[in-house]
PDB file of N, CA and C in Angstrom:
ATOM      1  N   UNK A   1      22.605  19.360  22.804  1.00  0.00           N
ATOM      2  CA  UNK A   1      22.382  18.048  22.234  1.00  0.00           C
ATOM      3  C   UNK A   1      23.626  17.191  22.457  1.00  0.00           C
ATOM      4  N   UNK A   2      23.400  15.941  22.640  1.00  0.00           N
ATOM      5  CA  UNK A   2      24.532  15.046  22.851  1.00  0.00           C
ATOM      6  C   UNK A   2      25.200  14.705  21.527  1.00  0.00           C
ATOM      7  N   UNK A   3      26.403  14.227  21.577  1.00  0.00           N
ATOM      8  CA  UNK A   3      27.154  13.885  20.363  1.00  0.00           C
ATOM      9  C   UNK A   3      26.467  12.767  19.591  1.00  0.00           C
ATOM     10  N   UNK A   4      25.892  11.821  20.312  1.00  0.00           N
ATOM     11  CA  UNK A   4      25.216  10.695  19.656  1.00  0.00           C
ATOM     12  C   UNK A   4      24.003  11.176  18.868  1.00  0.00           C
ATOM     13  N   UNK A   5      23.225  12.072  19.464  1.00  0.00           N
ATOM     14  CA  UNK A   5      22.043  12.599  18.795  1.00  0.00           C
ATOM     15  C   UNK A   5      22.443  13.399  17.554  1.00  0.00           C
ATOM     16  N   UNK A   6      23.494  14.193  17.650  1.00  0.00           N
ATOM     17  CA  UNK A   6      23.984  14.954  16.506  1.00  0.00           C
ATOM     18  C   UNK A   6      24.466  14.012  15.398  1.00  0.00           C
ATOM     19  N   UNK A   7      25.122  12.923  15.791  1.00  0.00           N
ATOM     20  CA  UNK A   7      25.616  11.960  14.816  1.00  0.00           C
ATOM     21  C   UNK A   7      24.460  11.303  14.068  1.00  0.00           C
ATOM     22  N   UNK A   8      23.422  10.885  14.807  1.00  0.00           N
ATOM     23  CA  UNK A   8      22.256  10.272  14.161  1.00  0.00           C
ATOM     24  C   UNK A   8      21.510  11.271  13.284  1.00  0.00           C
ATOM     25  N   UNK A   9      21.427  12.524  13.706  1.00  0.00           N
ATOM     26  CA  UNK A   9      20.760  13.550  12.907  1.00  0.00           C
ATOM     27  C   UNK A   9      21.532  13.800  11.613  1.00  0.00           C
ATOM     28  N   UNK A  10      22.851  13.858  11.702  1.00  0.00           N
ATOM     29  CA  UNK A  10      23.672  14.072  10.508  1.00  0.00           C
ATOM     30  C   UNK A  10      23.581  12.875   9.567  1.00  0.00           C
ATOM     31  N   UNK A  11      23.591  11.661  10.127  1.00  0.00           N
ATOM     32  CA  UNK A  11      23.488  10.468   9.296  1.00  0.00           C
ATOM     33  C   UNK A  11      22.123  10.412   8.602  1.00  0.00           C
ATOM     34  N   UNK A  12      21.074  10.779   9.299  1.00  0.00           N
ATOM     35  CA  UNK A  12      19.737  10.800   8.707  1.00  0.00           C
ATOM     36  C   UNK A  12      19.617  11.834   7.605  1.00  0.00           C
ATOM     37  N   UNK A  13      20.238  13.004   7.816  1.00  0.00           N
ATOM     38  CA  UNK A  13      20.215  14.050   6.797  1.00  0.00           C
ATOM     39  C   UNK A  13      20.964  13.596   5.549  1.00  0.00           C
ATOM     40  N   UNK A  14      22.120  12.976   5.734  1.00  0.00           N
ATOM     41  CA  UNK A  14      22.884  12.477   4.590  1.00  0.00           C
ATOM     42  C   UNK A  14      22.136  11.371   3.850  1.00  0.00           C
ATOM     43  N   UNK A  15      21.459  10.501   4.583  1.00  0.00           N
ATOM     44  CA  UNK A  15      20.688   9.429   3.940  1.00  0.00           C
ATOM     45  C   UNK A  15      19.524  10.005   3.133  1.00  0.00           C
ATOM     46  N   UNK A  16      18.860  11.027   3.677  1.00  0.00           N
ATOM     47  CA  UNK A  16      17.740  11.647   2.966  1.00  0.00           C
ATOM     48  C   UNK A  16      18.229  12.354   1.712  1.00  0.00           C
ATOM     49  N   UNK A  17      19.337  13.041   1.794  1.00  0.00           N
ATOM     50  CA  UNK A  17      19.885  13.718   0.617  1.00  0.00           C
ATOM     51  C   UNK A  17      20.339  12.709  -0.435  1.00  0.00           C
ATOM     52  N   UNK A  18      20.924  11.629   0.007  1.00  0.00           N
ATOM     53  CA  UNK A  18      21.369  10.600  -0.927  1.00  0.00           C
ATOM     54  C   UNK A  18      20.204   9.927  -1.640  1.00  0.00           C
ATOM     55  N   UNK A  19      19.105   9.739  -0.938  1.00  0.00           N
ATOM     56  CA  UNK A  19      17.930   9.099  -1.542  1.00  0.00           C
ATOM     57  C   UNK A  19      17.270  10.015  -2.569  1.00  0.00           C
ATOM     58  N   UNK A  20      17.301  11.303  -2.325  1.00  0.00           N
ATOM     59  CA  UNK A  20      16.651  12.251  -3.231  1.00  0.00           C
ATOM     60  C   UNK A  20      17.541  12.644  -4.404  1.00  0.00           C
ATOM     61  N   UNK A  21      18.834  12.445  -4.303  1.00  0.00           N
ATOM     62  CA  UNK A  21      19.755  12.910  -5.340  1.00  0.00           C
ATOM     63  C   UNK A  21      19.693  12.063  -6.598  1.00  0.00           C
ATOM     64  N   UNK A  22      19.314  10.805  -6.510  1.00  0.00           N
ATOM     65  CA  UNK A  22      19.339   9.906  -7.666  1.00  0.00           C
ATOM     66  C   UNK A  22      17.974   9.785  -8.329  1.00  0.00           C
ATOM     67  N   UNK A  23      17.348  10.913  -8.630  1.00  0.00           N
ATOM     68  CA  UNK A  23      16.067  10.863  -9.321  1.00  0.00           C
ATOM     69  C   UNK A  23      16.301  10.392 -10.750  1.00  0.00           C
ATOM     70  N   UNK A  24      15.510   9.438 -11.237  1.00  0.00           N
ATOM     71  CA  UNK A  24      15.736   8.940 -12.596  1.00  0.00           C
ATOM     72  C   UNK A  24      15.418  10.023 -13.627  1.00  0.00           C
ATOM     73  N   UNK A  25      16.139  10.004 -14.743  1.00  0.00           N
ATOM     74  CA  UNK A  25      15.882  10.941 -15.830  1.00  0.00           C
ATOM     75  C   UNK A  25      14.544  10.597 -16.474  1.00  0.00           C
ATOM     76  N   UNK A  26      13.994  11.553 -17.183  1.00  0.00           N
ATOM     77  CA  UNK A  26      12.710  11.326 -17.840  1.00  0.00           C
ATOM     78  C   UNK A  26      12.868  10.226 -18.885  1.00  0.00           C
ATOM     79  N   UNK A  27      11.979   9.252 -18.856  1.00  0.00           N
ATOM     80  CA  UNK A  27      12.081   8.111 -19.766  1.00  0.00           C
ATOM     81  C   UNK A  27      11.697   8.519 -21.182  1.00  0.00           C
ATOM     82  N   UNK A  28      12.397   7.952 -22.143  1.00  0.00           N
ATOM     83  CA  UNK A  28      12.128   8.238 -23.541  1.00  0.00           C
ATOM     84  C   UNK A  28      11.101   7.245 -24.060  1.00  0.00           C
ATOM     85  N   UNK A  29      10.067   7.747 -24.744  1.00  0.00           N
ATOM     86  CA  UNK A  29       8.990   6.908 -25.259  1.00  0.00           C
ATOM     87  C   UNK A  29       9.262   6.643 -26.732  1.00  0.00           C
ATOM     88  N   UNK A  30       9.479   5.384 -27.096  1.00  0.00           N
ATOM     89  CA  UNK A  30       9.822   5.008 -28.464  1.00  0.00           C
ATOM     90  C   UNK A  30       8.727   4.105 -29.006  1.00  0.00           C
ATOM     91  N   UNK A  31       8.224   4.427 -30.206  1.00  0.00           N
ATOM     92  CA  UNK A  31       7.203   3.619 -30.869  1.00  0.00           C
ATOM     93  C   UNK A  31       7.843   2.972 -32.088  1.00  0.00           C
ATOM     94  N   UNK A  32       7.749   1.662 -32.183  1.00  0.00           N
ATOM     95  CA  UNK A  32       8.315   0.923 -33.304  1.00  0.00           C
ATOM     96  C   UNK A  32       7.173   0.240 -34.040  1.00  0.00           C
ATOM     97  N   UNK A  33       7.113   0.459 -35.369  1.00  0.00           N
ATOM     98  CA  UNK A  33       6.073  -0.192 -36.174  1.00  0.00           C
ATOM     99  C   UNK A  33       6.389  -1.676 -36.281  1.00  0.00           C
ATOM    100  N   UNK A  34       5.434  -2.547 -35.939  1.00  0.00           N
ATOM    101  CA  UNK A  34       5.696  -3.983 -36.037  1.00  0.00           C
ATOM    102  C   UNK A  34       5.735  -4.439 -37.490  1.00  0.00           C
ATOM    103  N   UNK A  35       6.548  -5.440 -37.754  1.00  0.00           N
ATOM    104  CA  UNK A  35       6.634  -5.999 -39.104  1.00  0.00           C
ATOM    105  C   UNK A  35       5.420  -6.893 -39.342  1.00  0.00           C
ATOM    106  N   UNK A  36       4.941  -6.978 -40.581  1.00  0.00           N
ATOM    107  CA  UNK A  36       3.785  -7.854 -40.845  1.00  0.00           C
ATOM    108  C   UNK A  36       4.151  -9.319 -40.574  1.00  0.00           C
ATOM    109  N   UNK A  37       3.185 -10.065 -40.066  1.00  0.00           N
ATOM    110  CA  UNK A  37       3.422 -11.463 -39.729  1.00  0.00           C
ATOM    111  C   UNK A  37       3.601 -12.298 -40.994  1.00  0.00           C
ATOM    112  N   UNK A  38       2.779 -12.062 -42.012  1.00  0.00           N
ATOM    113  CA  UNK A  38       2.916 -12.793 -43.277  1.00  0.00           C
ATOM    114  C   UNK A  38       2.610 -11.834 -44.419  1.00  0.00           C
ATOM    115  N   UNK A  39       3.080 -12.181 -45.605  1.00  0.00           N
ATOM    116  CA  UNK A  39       2.850 -11.351 -46.784  1.00  0.00           C
ATOM    117  C   UNK A  39       1.473 -11.658 -47.368  1.00  0.00           C
ATOM    118  N   UNK A  40       0.866 -10.638 -47.949  1.00  0.00           N
ATOM    119  CA  UNK A  40      -0.400 -10.831 -48.649  1.00  0.00           C
ATOM    120  C   UNK A  40      -0.137 -11.629 -49.926  1.00  0.00           C
ATOM    121  N   UNK A  41      -0.977 -12.602 -50.270  1.00  0.00           N
ATOM    122  CA  UNK A  41      -0.762 -13.342 -51.527  1.00  0.00           C
ATOM    123  C   UNK A  41      -0.965 -12.421 -52.730  1.00  0.00           C
ATOM    124  N   UNK A  42      -0.146 -12.602 -53.736  1.00  0.00           N
ATOM    125  CA  UNK A  42      -0.216 -11.776 -54.943  1.00  0.00           C
ATOM    126  C   UNK A  42      -0.955 -12.571 -56.010  1.00  0.00           C
ATOM    127  N   UNK A  43      -1.899 -11.912 -56.685  1.00  0.00           N
ATOM    128  CA  UNK A  43      -2.659 -12.582 -57.748  1.00  0.00           C
ATOM    129  C   UNK A  43      -1.760 -12.773 -58.956  1.00  0.00           C
ATOM    130  N   UNK A  44      -1.582 -14.015 -59.379  1.00  0.00           N
ATOM    131  CA  UNK A  44      -0.702 -14.312 -60.521  1.00  0.00           C
ATOM    132  C   UNK A  44      -1.484 -14.931 -61.682  1.00  0.00           C
ATOM    133  N   UNK A  45      -2.769 -14.992 -61.607  1.00  0.00           N
ATOM    134  CA  UNK A  45      -3.571 -15.606 -62.669  1.00  0.00           C
ATOM    135  C   UNK A  45      -4.285 -16.829 -62.119  1.00  0.00           C
ATOM    136  N   UNK A  46      -5.185 -17.394 -62.939  1.00  0.00           N
ATOM    137  CA  UNK A  46      -5.977 -18.521 -62.477  1.00  0.00           C
ATOM    138  C   UNK A  46      -5.135 -19.776 -62.321  1.00  0.00           C
ATOM    139  N   UNK A  47      -4.303 -20.078 -63.291  1.00  0.00           N
ATOM    140  CA  UNK A  47      -3.483 -21.290 -63.243  1.00  0.00           C
ATOM    141  C   UNK A  47      -2.006 -20.869 -63.369  1.00  0.00           C
ATOM    142  N   UNK A  48      -1.203 -21.459 -62.595  1.00  0.00           N
ATOM    143  CA  UNK A  48       0.207 -21.138 -62.704  1.00  0.00           C
ATOM    144  C   UNK A  48       1.039 -22.357 -62.394  1.00  0.00           C
TER     145      UNK A  48
END
């Protein structure tokens, strides 16, 4: 094999290894309870 072909093969191998090495970690799934939009009215009597 010529030196140029070996150089391109080595560069391709390094690029493939570099692309596969940075696999993202497993994402964390977080559930947050939403706050109520408004408060329920409280019964305080007929007239107040």
